[in-house]
C-alpha atoms as a PDB file:
ATOM      1  CA  MET A   1      -0.249  -0.317  -0.075  1.00  0.00           C
ATOM      2  CA  GLY A   2       2.783   2.533   0.895  1.00  0.00           C
ATOM      3  CA  PHE A   3       2.171   5.873   1.615  1.00  0.00           C
ATOM      4  CA  SER A   4      -0.449   6.217  -1.442  1.00  0.00           C
ATOM      5  CA  GLY A   5      -3.246   5.198   1.552  1.00  0.00           C
ATOM      6  CA  ILE A   6      -2.085   7.978   3.726  1.00  0.00           C
ATOM      7  CA  GLY A   7      -3.123  10.892   1.793  1.00  0.00           C
ATOM      8  CA  ILE A   8      -2.649  14.945   2.125  1.00  0.00           C
ATOM      9  CA  PRO A   9      -4.514  15.367   5.320  1.00  0.00           C
ATOM     10  CA  GLY A  10      -2.655  12.395   6.923  1.00  0.00           C
ATOM     11  CA  LEU A  11       0.452  13.701   5.924  1.00  0.00           C
ATOM     12  CA  ILE A  12      -0.318  17.247   7.511  1.00  0.00           C
ATOM     13  CA  ILE A  13      -1.466  15.230  10.317  1.00  0.00           C
ATOM     14  CA  ILE A  14       1.791  13.593  10.661  1.00  0.00           C
ATOM     15  CA  LEU A  15       3.828  16.989   9.785  1.00  0.00           C
ATOM     16  CA  VAL A  16       1.950  18.927  13.096  1.00  0.00           C
ATOM     17  CA  ILE A  17       2.324  16.218  15.634  1.00  0.00           C
ATOM     18  CA  THR A  18       6.373  15.717  14.572  1.00  0.00           C
ATOM     19  CA  LEU A  19       6.706  19.905  14.869  1.00  0.00           C
ATOM     20  CA  ILE A  20       4.782  19.205  18.156  1.00  0.00           C
ATOM     21  CA  VAL A  21       7.067  16.892  19.515  1.00  0.00           C
ATOM     22  CA  PHE A  22      10.411  18.331  18.393  1.00  0.00           C
ATOM     23  CA  GLY A  23       9.899  22.099  17.739  1.00  0.00           C
ATOM     24  CA  PRO A  24      10.276  24.185  14.771  1.00  0.00           C
ATOM     25  CA  LYS A  25      14.258  25.013  15.625  1.00  0.00           C
ATOM     26  CA  LYS A  26      14.853  20.687  14.990  1.00  0.00           C
ATOM     27  CA  LEU A  27      12.665  20.323  12.309  1.00  0.00           C
ATOM     28  CA  PRO A  28      15.278  21.428   9.334  1.00  0.00           C
ATOM     29  CA  GLU A  29      17.679  19.486  11.356  1.00  0.00           C
ATOM     30  CA  ILE A  30      15.346  16.195  11.224  1.00  0.00           C
ATOM     31  CA  GLY A  31      14.537  16.803   7.520  1.00  0.00           C
ATOM     32  CA  SER A  32      18.064  16.949   6.561  1.00  0.00           C
ATOM     33  CA  ALA A  33      19.320  14.219   8.392  1.00  0.00           C
ATOM     34  CA  PHE A  34      16.296  11.852   6.735  1.00  0.00           C
ATOM     35  CA  GLY A  35      17.219  13.304   3.572  1.00  0.00           C
ATOM     36  CA  LYS A  36      20.685  12.205   3.544  1.00  0.00           C
ATOM     37  CA  THR A  37      19.952   8.843   4.721  1.00  0.00           C
ATOM     38  CA  LEU A  38      17.225   8.153   1.849  1.00  0.00           C
ATOM     39  CA  SER A  39      19.784   9.642  -0.037  1.00  0.00           C
ATOM     40  CA  GLU A  40      22.534   7.038   1.002  1.00  0.00           C
ATOM     41  CA  PHE A  41      19.899   3.927   1.242  1.00  0.00           C
ATOM     42  CA  LYS A  42      19.279   4.833  -2.560  1.00  0.00           C
ATOM     43  CA  LYS A  43      22.709   4.873  -3.749  1.00  0.00           C
ATOM     44  CA  SER A  44      23.449   1.618  -1.618  1.00  0.00           C
ATOM     45  CA  ALA A  45      20.136  -0.093  -2.872  1.00  0.00           C
ATOM     46  CA  LYS A  46      21.678   0.990  -6.616  1.00  0.00           C
ATOM     47  CA  ASP A  47      24.731  -0.498  -6.010  1.00  0.00           C
ATOM     48  CA  ILE A  48      23.573  -3.772  -4.840  1.00  0.00           C
ATOM     49  CA  MET A  49      21.143  -3.962  -8.231  1.00  0.00           C
ATOM     50  CA  ASP A  50      24.333  -3.327 -10.325  1.00  0.00           C
ATOM     51  CA  ASP A  51      26.638  -5.483  -8.771  1.00  0.00           C
ATOM     52  CA  HIS A  52      23.851  -8.032  -9.039  1.00  0.00           C
ATOM     53  CA  ASP A  53      23.427  -7.518 -12.709  1.00  0.00           C
ATOM     54  CA  LYS A  54      27.057  -7.787 -13.519  1.00  0.00           C
ATOM     55  CA  ASP A  55      26.863 -11.323 -10.996  1.00  0.00           C
ATOM     56  CA  THR A  56      23.985 -12.108 -13.643  1.00  0.00           C
ATOM     57  CA  VAL A  57      25.955 -11.165 -16.580  1.00  0.00           C
ATOM     58  CA  SER A  58      28.882 -13.005 -15.705  1.00  0.00           C
ATOM     59  CA  SER A  59      27.477 -16.365 -15.071  1.00  0.00           C
ATOM     60  CA  VAL A  60      25.273 -16.054 -18.424  1.00  0.00           C
ATOM     61  CA  SER A  61      28.681 -15.391 -20.417  1.00  0.00           C
ATOM     62  CA  SER A  62      30.366 -18.011 -18.042  1.00  0.00           C
ATOM     63  CA  ALA A  63      27.202 -20.878 -18.985  1.00  0.00           C
ATOM     64  CA  SER A  64      27.316 -19.902 -22.795  1.00  0.00           C
ATOM     65  CA  SER A  65      31.156 -20.724 -22.644  1.00  0.00           C
ATOM     66  CA  ALA A  66      31.045 -23.448 -21.007  1.00  0.00           C
ATOM     67  CA  ASP A  67      28.165 -24.799 -23.450  1.00  0.00           C
ATOM     68  CA  ASN A  68      30.481 -23.777 -26.274  1.00  0.00           C
ATOM     69  CA  ASP A  69      33.200 -26.074 -24.936  1.00  0.00           C
ATOM     70  CA  LYS A  70      31.159 -28.571 -24.475  1.00  0.00           C
ATOM     71  CA  GLN A  71      29.735 -28.391 -28.008  1.00  0.00           C
ATOM     72  CA  SER A  72      33.349 -28.595 -29.609  1.00  0.00           C
ATOM     73  CA  LEU A  73      34.296 -31.401 -27.817  1.00  0.00           C
ATOM     74  CA  LEU A  74      31.129 -33.428 -28.840  1.00  0.00           C
ATOM     75  CA  LYS A  75      32.026 -32.452 -32.510  1.00  0.00           C
ATOM     76  CA  GLU A  76      35.782 -33.774 -32.138  1.00  0.00           C
END
């Protein structure tokens, strides 16, 4: 479901509660820390996906190379 079920009124309520709990002076610091955390998470997730794609490509080429070796042995 994600954030699509919260809606605008729910986000406003969350923002007001956060403002009351942490105060207006801490809110920009919290937002900045949250943004940096989210950015770092996205970067890590992208790196993991790139590594997975490289592993998949290398295993596919290794498998096709092994198949070619088998076929050449069978022809002899």
